[in-house]
Amino acid sequence: MVIAKAGMDGHDRGAKVVARVLRDAGFEVIYTGLYQTPESIVATALQEDADAVGISVLSAAHKHVFSETAREMRQQGLDDVILFGGGIIPPGDVEWLEQQGVRRLFLPGTSGPEIVAWLQQAVSAQRASGSGG
């Protein structure tokens, strides 16, 4: 699992908390650090053979970051890797982001156990379908 902070957004506490929650739940987690590009996030996912990529966006650049990451994932053949994320995302943008390839968005106030449960189910289903990362 890759957890990333994209763009010029320097607020990484939430991403670090989610990475730790996922690690404590048994996931292998790679945290990319700050200021990543969609290309560098996808390169990390390829290198680590990730089942999922999670992106945290608080900078109002969510449409660009998620759509470019989804596009890059498709170009690199990562159609089987789950793209999810969270942060400050207007509810009106959620459907558009899902249409771009984001499987799930976790907005402020989502509990760690909710994120873990969803990812356990999603990764398990992806692996069962024979197309796991």
N, C-alpha and C. Protein backbone atom coordinates (compact mmCIF):
# COMPACT_ATOMS: atom_id res chain seq x y z
N MET A 1 0.85 -1.16 0.00
CA MET A 1 0.00 0.00 0.00
C MET A 1 0.90 1.24 0.00
N VAL A 2 0.60 2.16 -0.88
CA VAL A 2 1.35 3.41 -0.95
C VAL A 2 0.44 4.53 -0.46
N ILE A 3 0.95 5.33 0.46
CA ILE A 3 0.25 6.53 0.94
C ILE A 3 1.10 7.72 0.51
N ALA A 4 0.45 8.71 -0.13
CA ALA A 4 1.20 9.81 -0.73
C ALA A 4 0.58 11.17 -0.44
N LYS A 5 1.42 12.17 -0.45
CA LYS A 5 1.02 13.58 -0.42
C LYS A 5 1.49 14.18 -1.73
N ALA A 6 0.54 14.70 -2.49
CA ALA A 6 0.88 15.21 -3.82
C ALA A 6 0.85 16.73 -3.87
N GLY A 7 1.60 17.27 -4.82
CA GLY A 7 1.60 18.71 -5.03
C GLY A 7 2.32 19.46 -3.93
N MET A 8 1.95 20.72 -3.79
CA MET A 8 2.64 21.61 -2.85
C MET A 8 2.02 21.61 -1.46
N ASP A 9 1.10 20.72 -1.22
CA ASP A 9 0.43 20.61 0.08
C ASP A 9 1.41 20.06 1.11
N GLY A 10 1.74 20.85 2.11
CA GLY A 10 2.69 20.43 3.13
C GLY A 10 2.08 19.93 4.41
N HIS A 11 0.77 19.75 4.43
CA HIS A 11 0.08 19.29 5.64
C HIS A 11 -0.05 17.78 5.59
N ASP A 12 0.83 17.09 6.30
CA ASP A 12 0.89 15.64 6.16
C ASP A 12 0.47 14.85 7.38
N ARG A 13 -0.03 15.50 8.40
CA ARG A 13 -0.39 14.77 9.61
C ARG A 13 -1.42 13.68 9.33
N GLY A 14 -2.48 14.01 8.59
CA GLY A 14 -3.52 13.03 8.29
C GLY A 14 -2.98 11.83 7.54
N ALA A 15 -2.13 12.08 6.56
CA ALA A 15 -1.56 10.98 5.78
C ALA A 15 -0.71 10.09 6.68
N LYS A 16 0.05 10.69 7.59
CA LYS A 16 0.87 9.90 8.50
C LYS A 16 0.02 9.10 9.47
N VAL A 17 -1.08 9.68 9.94
CA VAL A 17 -1.98 8.96 10.84
C VAL A 17 -2.60 7.77 10.11
N VAL A 18 -3.08 7.99 8.89
CA VAL A 18 -3.68 6.89 8.12
C VAL A 18 -2.63 5.81 7.84
N ALA A 19 -1.43 6.21 7.47
CA ALA A 19 -0.37 5.22 7.22
C ALA A 19 -0.12 4.37 8.46
N ARG A 20 -0.10 5.00 9.61
CA ARG A 20 0.15 4.24 10.85
C ARG A 20 -1.02 3.32 11.18
N VAL A 21 -2.24 3.81 11.03
CA VAL A 21 -3.43 2.99 11.28
C VAL A 21 -3.41 1.75 10.38
N LEU A 22 -3.09 1.96 9.12
CA LEU A 22 -3.04 0.84 8.18
C LEU A 22 -1.92 -0.13 8.52
N ARG A 23 -0.77 0.40 8.88
CA ARG A 23 0.35 -0.46 9.29
C ARG A 23 -0.02 -1.27 10.52
N ASP A 24 -0.64 -0.61 11.50
CA ASP A 24 -1.04 -1.31 12.72
C ASP A 24 -2.10 -2.38 12.46
N ALA A 25 -2.84 -2.24 11.35
CA ALA A 25 -3.86 -3.22 10.97
C ALA A 25 -3.27 -4.37 10.15
N GLY A 26 -1.97 -4.31 9.88
CA GLY A 26 -1.32 -5.41 9.19
C GLY A 26 -0.95 -5.16 7.74
N PHE A 27 -1.26 -3.98 7.21
CA PHE A 27 -0.87 -3.66 5.85
C PHE A 27 0.60 -3.27 5.81
N GLU A 28 1.27 -3.62 4.72
CA GLU A 28 2.61 -3.09 4.47
C GLU A 28 2.39 -1.72 3.84
N VAL A 29 2.94 -0.67 4.45
CA VAL A 29 2.67 0.69 4.01
C VAL A 29 3.97 1.39 3.66
N ILE A 30 3.97 2.01 2.49
CA ILE A 30 5.08 2.86 2.05
C ILE A 30 4.52 4.28 2.03
N TYR A 31 5.10 5.16 2.84
CA TYR A 31 4.70 6.57 2.83
C TYR A 31 5.72 7.33 1.99
N THR A 32 5.24 8.03 0.97
CA THR A 32 6.14 8.67 0.01
C THR A 32 6.77 9.97 0.50
N GLY A 33 6.18 10.58 1.51
CA GLY A 33 6.65 11.89 1.92
C GLY A 33 5.93 12.98 1.14
N LEU A 34 6.33 14.21 1.38
CA LEU A 34 5.66 15.38 0.81
C LEU A 34 6.06 15.65 -0.64
N TYR A 35 5.22 16.46 -1.29
CA TYR A 35 5.51 17.08 -2.59
C TYR A 35 5.72 16.10 -3.74
N GLN A 36 4.92 15.05 -3.76
CA GLN A 36 5.02 14.05 -4.82
C GLN A 36 4.21 14.47 -6.04
N THR A 37 4.63 13.99 -7.19
CA THR A 37 3.88 14.19 -8.43
C THR A 37 3.08 12.92 -8.70
N PRO A 38 2.03 13.01 -9.52
CA PRO A 38 1.33 11.79 -9.89
C PRO A 38 2.29 10.74 -10.48
N GLU A 39 3.25 11.18 -11.27
CA GLU A 39 4.21 10.25 -11.86
C GLU A 39 5.06 9.56 -10.80
N SER A 40 5.51 10.31 -9.81
CA SER A 40 6.36 9.69 -8.78
C SER A 40 5.54 8.75 -7.89
N ILE A 41 4.28 9.07 -7.66
CA ILE A 41 3.40 8.20 -6.86
C ILE A 41 3.21 6.87 -7.60
N VAL A 42 2.93 6.95 -8.88
CA VAL A 42 2.70 5.74 -9.67
C VAL A 42 4.00 4.93 -9.79
N ALA A 43 5.13 5.60 -9.94
CA ALA A 43 6.41 4.90 -9.99
C ALA A 43 6.64 4.11 -8.70
N THR A 44 6.30 4.71 -7.58
CA THR A 44 6.45 4.01 -6.30
C THR A 44 5.51 2.80 -6.24
N ALA A 45 4.27 2.98 -6.69
CA ALA A 45 3.31 1.87 -6.70
C ALA A 45 3.82 0.72 -7.57
N LEU A 46 4.40 1.04 -8.71
CA LEU A 46 4.98 0.01 -9.59
C LEU A 46 6.15 -0.70 -8.91
N GLN A 47 7.05 0.08 -8.35
CA GLN A 47 8.23 -0.47 -7.71
C GLN A 47 7.88 -1.36 -6.53
N GLU A 48 6.88 -0.98 -5.77
CA GLU A 48 6.50 -1.71 -4.57
C GLU A 48 5.45 -2.79 -4.81
N ASP A 49 4.98 -2.92 -6.06
CA ASP A 49 3.93 -3.88 -6.41
C ASP A 49 2.72 -3.70 -5.48
N ALA A 50 2.27 -2.46 -5.37
CA ALA A 50 1.22 -2.09 -4.43
C ALA A 50 -0.15 -2.61 -4.87
N ASP A 51 -0.96 -2.95 -3.87
CA ASP A 51 -2.36 -3.30 -4.10
C ASP A 51 -3.23 -2.06 -4.15
N ALA A 52 -2.76 -0.99 -3.50
CA ALA A 52 -3.57 0.23 -3.40
C ALA A 52 -2.67 1.44 -3.28
N VAL A 53 -3.21 2.58 -3.74
CA VAL A 53 -2.56 3.88 -3.61
C VAL A 53 -3.55 4.82 -2.95
N GLY A 54 -3.13 5.41 -1.84
CA GLY A 54 -3.95 6.38 -1.14
C GLY A 54 -3.29 7.75 -1.18
N ILE A 55 -4.07 8.76 -1.54
CA ILE A 55 -3.53 10.11 -1.66
C ILE A 55 -4.31 11.03 -0.73
N SER A 56 -3.59 11.87 -0.02
CA SER A 56 -4.17 12.88 0.84
C SER A 56 -4.00 14.24 0.18
N VAL A 57 -5.13 14.97 0.04
CA VAL A 57 -5.09 16.29 -0.58
C VAL A 57 -5.87 17.28 0.28
N LEU A 58 -5.18 18.34 0.67
CA LEU A 58 -5.82 19.41 1.45
C LEU A 58 -5.70 20.75 0.74
N SER A 59 -5.14 20.76 -0.45
CA SER A 59 -4.75 22.01 -1.11
C SER A 59 -5.70 22.52 -2.18
N ALA A 60 -6.85 21.92 -2.33
CA ALA A 60 -7.83 22.27 -3.38
C ALA A 60 -7.35 21.87 -4.77
N ALA A 61 -6.34 21.04 -4.84
CA ALA A 61 -5.85 20.54 -6.12
C ALA A 61 -6.32 19.11 -6.36
N HIS A 62 -7.36 18.70 -5.65
CA HIS A 62 -7.80 17.31 -5.69
C HIS A 62 -8.19 16.83 -7.08
N LYS A 63 -8.85 17.66 -7.88
CA LYS A 63 -9.26 17.21 -9.22
C LYS A 63 -8.03 16.89 -10.07
N HIS A 64 -7.07 17.77 -10.06
CA HIS A 64 -5.86 17.55 -10.85
C HIS A 64 -5.08 16.34 -10.33
N VAL A 65 -4.82 16.30 -9.03
CA VAL A 65 -3.99 15.25 -8.45
C VAL A 65 -4.59 13.87 -8.70
N PHE A 66 -5.87 13.71 -8.39
CA PHE A 66 -6.48 12.39 -8.54
C PHE A 66 -6.64 12.00 -10.01
N SER A 67 -7.09 12.92 -10.85
CA SER A 67 -7.30 12.55 -12.26
C SER A 67 -5.98 12.23 -12.95
N GLU A 68 -4.93 12.99 -12.65
CA GLU A 68 -3.62 12.72 -13.26
C GLU A 68 -3.02 11.42 -12.73
N THR A 69 -3.21 11.15 -11.46
CA THR A 69 -2.70 9.89 -10.91
C THR A 69 -3.44 8.71 -11.53
N ALA A 70 -4.77 8.81 -11.65
CA ALA A 70 -5.55 7.74 -12.27
C ALA A 70 -5.13 7.53 -13.73
N ARG A 71 -4.91 8.62 -14.45
CA ARG A 71 -4.48 8.53 -15.84
C ARG A 71 -3.11 7.84 -15.93
N GLU A 72 -2.19 8.27 -15.09
CA GLU A 72 -0.85 7.67 -15.09
C GLU A 72 -0.91 6.19 -14.71
N MET A 73 -1.77 5.84 -13.76
CA MET A 73 -1.92 4.44 -13.38
C MET A 73 -2.40 3.61 -14.58
N ARG A 74 -3.38 4.13 -15.31
CA ARG A 74 -3.87 3.41 -16.50
C ARG A 74 -2.75 3.27 -17.54
N GLN A 75 -1.99 4.34 -17.76
CA GLN A 75 -0.90 4.30 -18.75
C GLN A 75 0.18 3.29 -18.37
N GLN A 76 0.39 3.10 -17.08
CA GLN A 76 1.43 2.17 -16.61
C GLN A 76 0.89 0.76 -16.38
N GLY A 77 -0.38 0.54 -16.74
CA GLY A 77 -0.96 -0.80 -16.61
C GLY A 77 -1.39 -1.17 -15.20
N LEU A 78 -1.64 -0.17 -14.38
CA LEU A 78 -2.05 -0.43 -12.99
C LEU A 78 -3.56 -0.34 -12.81
N ASP A 79 -4.31 -0.84 -13.78
CA ASP A 79 -5.77 -0.81 -13.70
C ASP A 79 -6.28 -1.63 -12.53
N ASP A 80 -5.48 -2.58 -12.05
CA ASP A 80 -5.88 -3.46 -10.96
C ASP A 80 -5.51 -2.91 -9.58
N VAL A 81 -4.89 -1.76 -9.52
CA VAL A 81 -4.49 -1.16 -8.24
C VAL A 81 -5.58 -0.18 -7.80
N ILE A 82 -5.98 -0.30 -6.56
CA ILE A 82 -7.05 0.52 -5.99
C ILE A 82 -6.53 1.92 -5.73
N LEU A 83 -7.22 2.92 -6.24
CA LEU A 83 -6.89 4.32 -5.96
C LEU A 83 -7.95 4.86 -5.00
N PHE A 84 -7.49 5.34 -3.85
CA PHE A 84 -8.39 5.92 -2.87
C PHE A 84 -7.73 7.16 -2.30
N GLY A 85 -8.46 7.89 -1.48
CA GLY A 85 -7.86 9.08 -0.92
C GLY A 85 -8.72 9.74 0.12
N GLY A 86 -8.26 10.91 0.52
CA GLY A 86 -8.98 11.67 1.52
C GLY A 86 -8.45 13.07 1.60
N GLY A 87 -9.07 13.82 2.48
CA GLY A 87 -8.67 15.20 2.67
C GLY A 87 -9.86 16.13 2.60
N ILE A 88 -9.58 17.35 2.26
CA ILE A 88 -10.61 18.37 2.13
C ILE A 88 -11.10 18.35 0.68
N ILE A 89 -12.19 17.65 0.46
CA ILE A 89 -12.74 17.49 -0.88
C ILE A 89 -14.21 17.86 -0.84
N PRO A 90 -14.62 18.85 -1.61
CA PRO A 90 -16.03 19.23 -1.61
C PRO A 90 -16.91 18.05 -2.01
N PRO A 91 -17.98 17.81 -1.26
CA PRO A 91 -18.87 16.68 -1.58
C PRO A 91 -19.33 16.68 -3.04
N GLY A 92 -19.50 17.85 -3.62
CA GLY A 92 -19.93 17.93 -5.01
C GLY A 92 -18.91 17.41 -6.02
N ASP A 93 -17.66 17.25 -5.59
CA ASP A 93 -16.60 16.76 -6.49
C ASP A 93 -16.40 15.25 -6.39
N VAL A 94 -17.01 14.62 -5.40
CA VAL A 94 -16.77 13.20 -5.16
C VAL A 94 -17.18 12.35 -6.36
N GLU A 95 -18.37 12.55 -6.90
CA GLU A 95 -18.83 11.75 -8.02
C GLU A 95 -17.90 11.91 -9.23
N TRP A 96 -17.48 13.13 -9.52
CA TRP A 96 -16.57 13.37 -10.64
C TRP A 96 -15.27 12.61 -10.43
N LEU A 97 -14.73 12.65 -9.22
CA LEU A 97 -13.48 11.95 -8.93
C LEU A 97 -13.65 10.44 -9.08
N GLU A 98 -14.79 9.92 -8.65
CA GLU A 98 -15.05 8.49 -8.82
C GLU A 98 -15.09 8.13 -10.30
N GLN A 99 -15.64 9.00 -11.12
CA GLN A 99 -15.68 8.76 -12.57
C GLN A 99 -14.28 8.75 -13.17
N GLN A 100 -13.35 9.42 -12.53
CA GLN A 100 -11.97 9.45 -13.01
C GLN A 100 -11.19 8.20 -12.61
N GLY A 101 -11.74 7.42 -11.68
CA GLY A 101 -11.06 6.19 -11.26
C GLY A 101 -10.77 6.08 -9.79
N VAL A 102 -11.17 7.07 -9.00
CA VAL A 102 -10.97 6.99 -7.55
C VAL A 102 -12.04 6.07 -6.98
N ARG A 103 -11.62 5.02 -6.30
CA ARG A 103 -12.58 4.04 -5.78
C ARG A 103 -13.31 4.52 -4.54
N ARG A 104 -12.62 5.28 -3.68
CA ARG A 104 -13.27 5.74 -2.45
C ARG A 104 -12.53 6.95 -1.92
N LEU A 105 -13.31 7.90 -1.39
CA LEU A 105 -12.75 9.08 -0.73
C LEU A 105 -13.22 9.11 0.71
N PHE A 106 -12.27 9.33 1.61
CA PHE A 106 -12.55 9.42 3.03
C PHE A 106 -12.41 10.88 3.44
N LEU A 107 -13.51 11.47 3.84
CA LEU A 107 -13.53 12.89 4.18
C LEU A 107 -13.24 13.07 5.67
N PRO A 108 -12.98 14.30 6.11
CA PRO A 108 -12.67 14.54 7.52
C PRO A 108 -13.72 13.92 8.44
N GLY A 109 -13.23 13.32 9.51
CA GLY A 109 -14.11 12.69 10.48
C GLY A 109 -14.25 11.19 10.30
N THR A 110 -13.74 10.65 9.18
CA THR A 110 -13.79 9.21 8.96
C THR A 110 -12.89 8.52 9.98
N SER A 111 -13.37 7.45 10.57
CA SER A 111 -12.57 6.75 11.57
C SER A 111 -11.54 5.83 10.92
N GLY A 112 -10.48 5.58 11.65
CA GLY A 112 -9.46 4.64 11.20
C GLY A 112 -10.04 3.26 10.93
N PRO A 113 -10.85 2.71 11.86
CA PRO A 113 -11.43 1.40 11.60
C PRO A 113 -12.29 1.34 10.33
N GLU A 114 -12.96 2.43 9.99
CA GLU A 114 -13.76 2.45 8.76
C GLU A 114 -12.85 2.34 7.53
N ILE A 115 -11.74 3.06 7.55
CA ILE A 115 -10.78 3.01 6.43
C ILE A 115 -10.18 1.60 6.33
N VAL A 116 -9.77 1.05 7.45
CA VAL A 116 -9.18 -0.30 7.47
C VAL A 116 -10.17 -1.33 6.94
N ALA A 117 -11.40 -1.30 7.44
CA ALA A 117 -12.41 -2.28 7.01
C ALA A 117 -12.66 -2.20 5.51
N TRP A 118 -12.78 -0.97 4.99
CA TRP A 118 -13.03 -0.83 3.55
C TRP A 118 -11.85 -1.37 2.75
N LEU A 119 -10.63 -1.02 3.15
CA LEU A 119 -9.46 -1.47 2.40
C LEU A 119 -9.27 -2.98 2.49
N GLN A 120 -9.52 -3.57 3.64
CA GLN A 120 -9.41 -5.02 3.75
C GLN A 120 -10.37 -5.69 2.77
N GLN A 121 -11.59 -5.20 2.71
CA GLN A 121 -12.58 -5.77 1.80
C GLN A 121 -12.18 -5.52 0.35
N ALA A 122 -11.79 -4.30 0.03
CA ALA A 122 -11.47 -3.95 -1.36
C ALA A 122 -10.25 -4.71 -1.86
N VAL A 123 -9.21 -4.80 -1.05
CA VAL A 123 -8.00 -5.53 -1.47
C VAL A 123 -8.31 -7.01 -1.60
N SER A 124 -9.06 -7.55 -0.66
CA SER A 124 -9.43 -8.97 -0.72
C SER A 124 -10.23 -9.27 -1.99
N ALA A 125 -11.21 -8.41 -2.30
CA ALA A 125 -12.01 -8.60 -3.50
C ALA A 125 -11.16 -8.47 -4.76
N GLN A 126 -10.23 -7.53 -4.77
CA GLN A 126 -9.35 -7.34 -5.93
C GLN A 126 -8.48 -8.57 -6.15
N ARG A 127 -7.93 -9.11 -5.06
CA ARG A 127 -7.09 -10.32 -5.18
C ARG A 127 -7.92 -11.52 -5.61
N ALA A 128 -9.14 -11.64 -5.08
CA ALA A 128 -10.01 -12.77 -5.42
C ALA A 128 -10.40 -12.75 -6.89
N SER A 129 -10.48 -11.55 -7.46
CA SER A 129 -10.85 -11.45 -8.87
C SER A 129 -9.68 -11.81 -9.79
N GLY A 130 -8.52 -12.06 -9.17
CA GLY A 130 -7.37 -12.45 -9.96
C GLY A 130 -6.61 -11.30 -10.56
N SER A 131 -6.93 -10.07 -10.11
CA SER A 131 -6.24 -8.92 -10.69
C SER A 131 -5.58 -8.06 -9.63
N GLY A 132 -5.17 -8.70 -8.51
CA GLY A 132 -4.52 -7.94 -7.44
C GLY A 132 -3.17 -7.42 -7.85
N GLY A 133 -2.74 -6.28 -7.20
CA GLY A 133 -1.49 -5.61 -7.54
C GLY A 133 -0.32 -6.36 -7.23
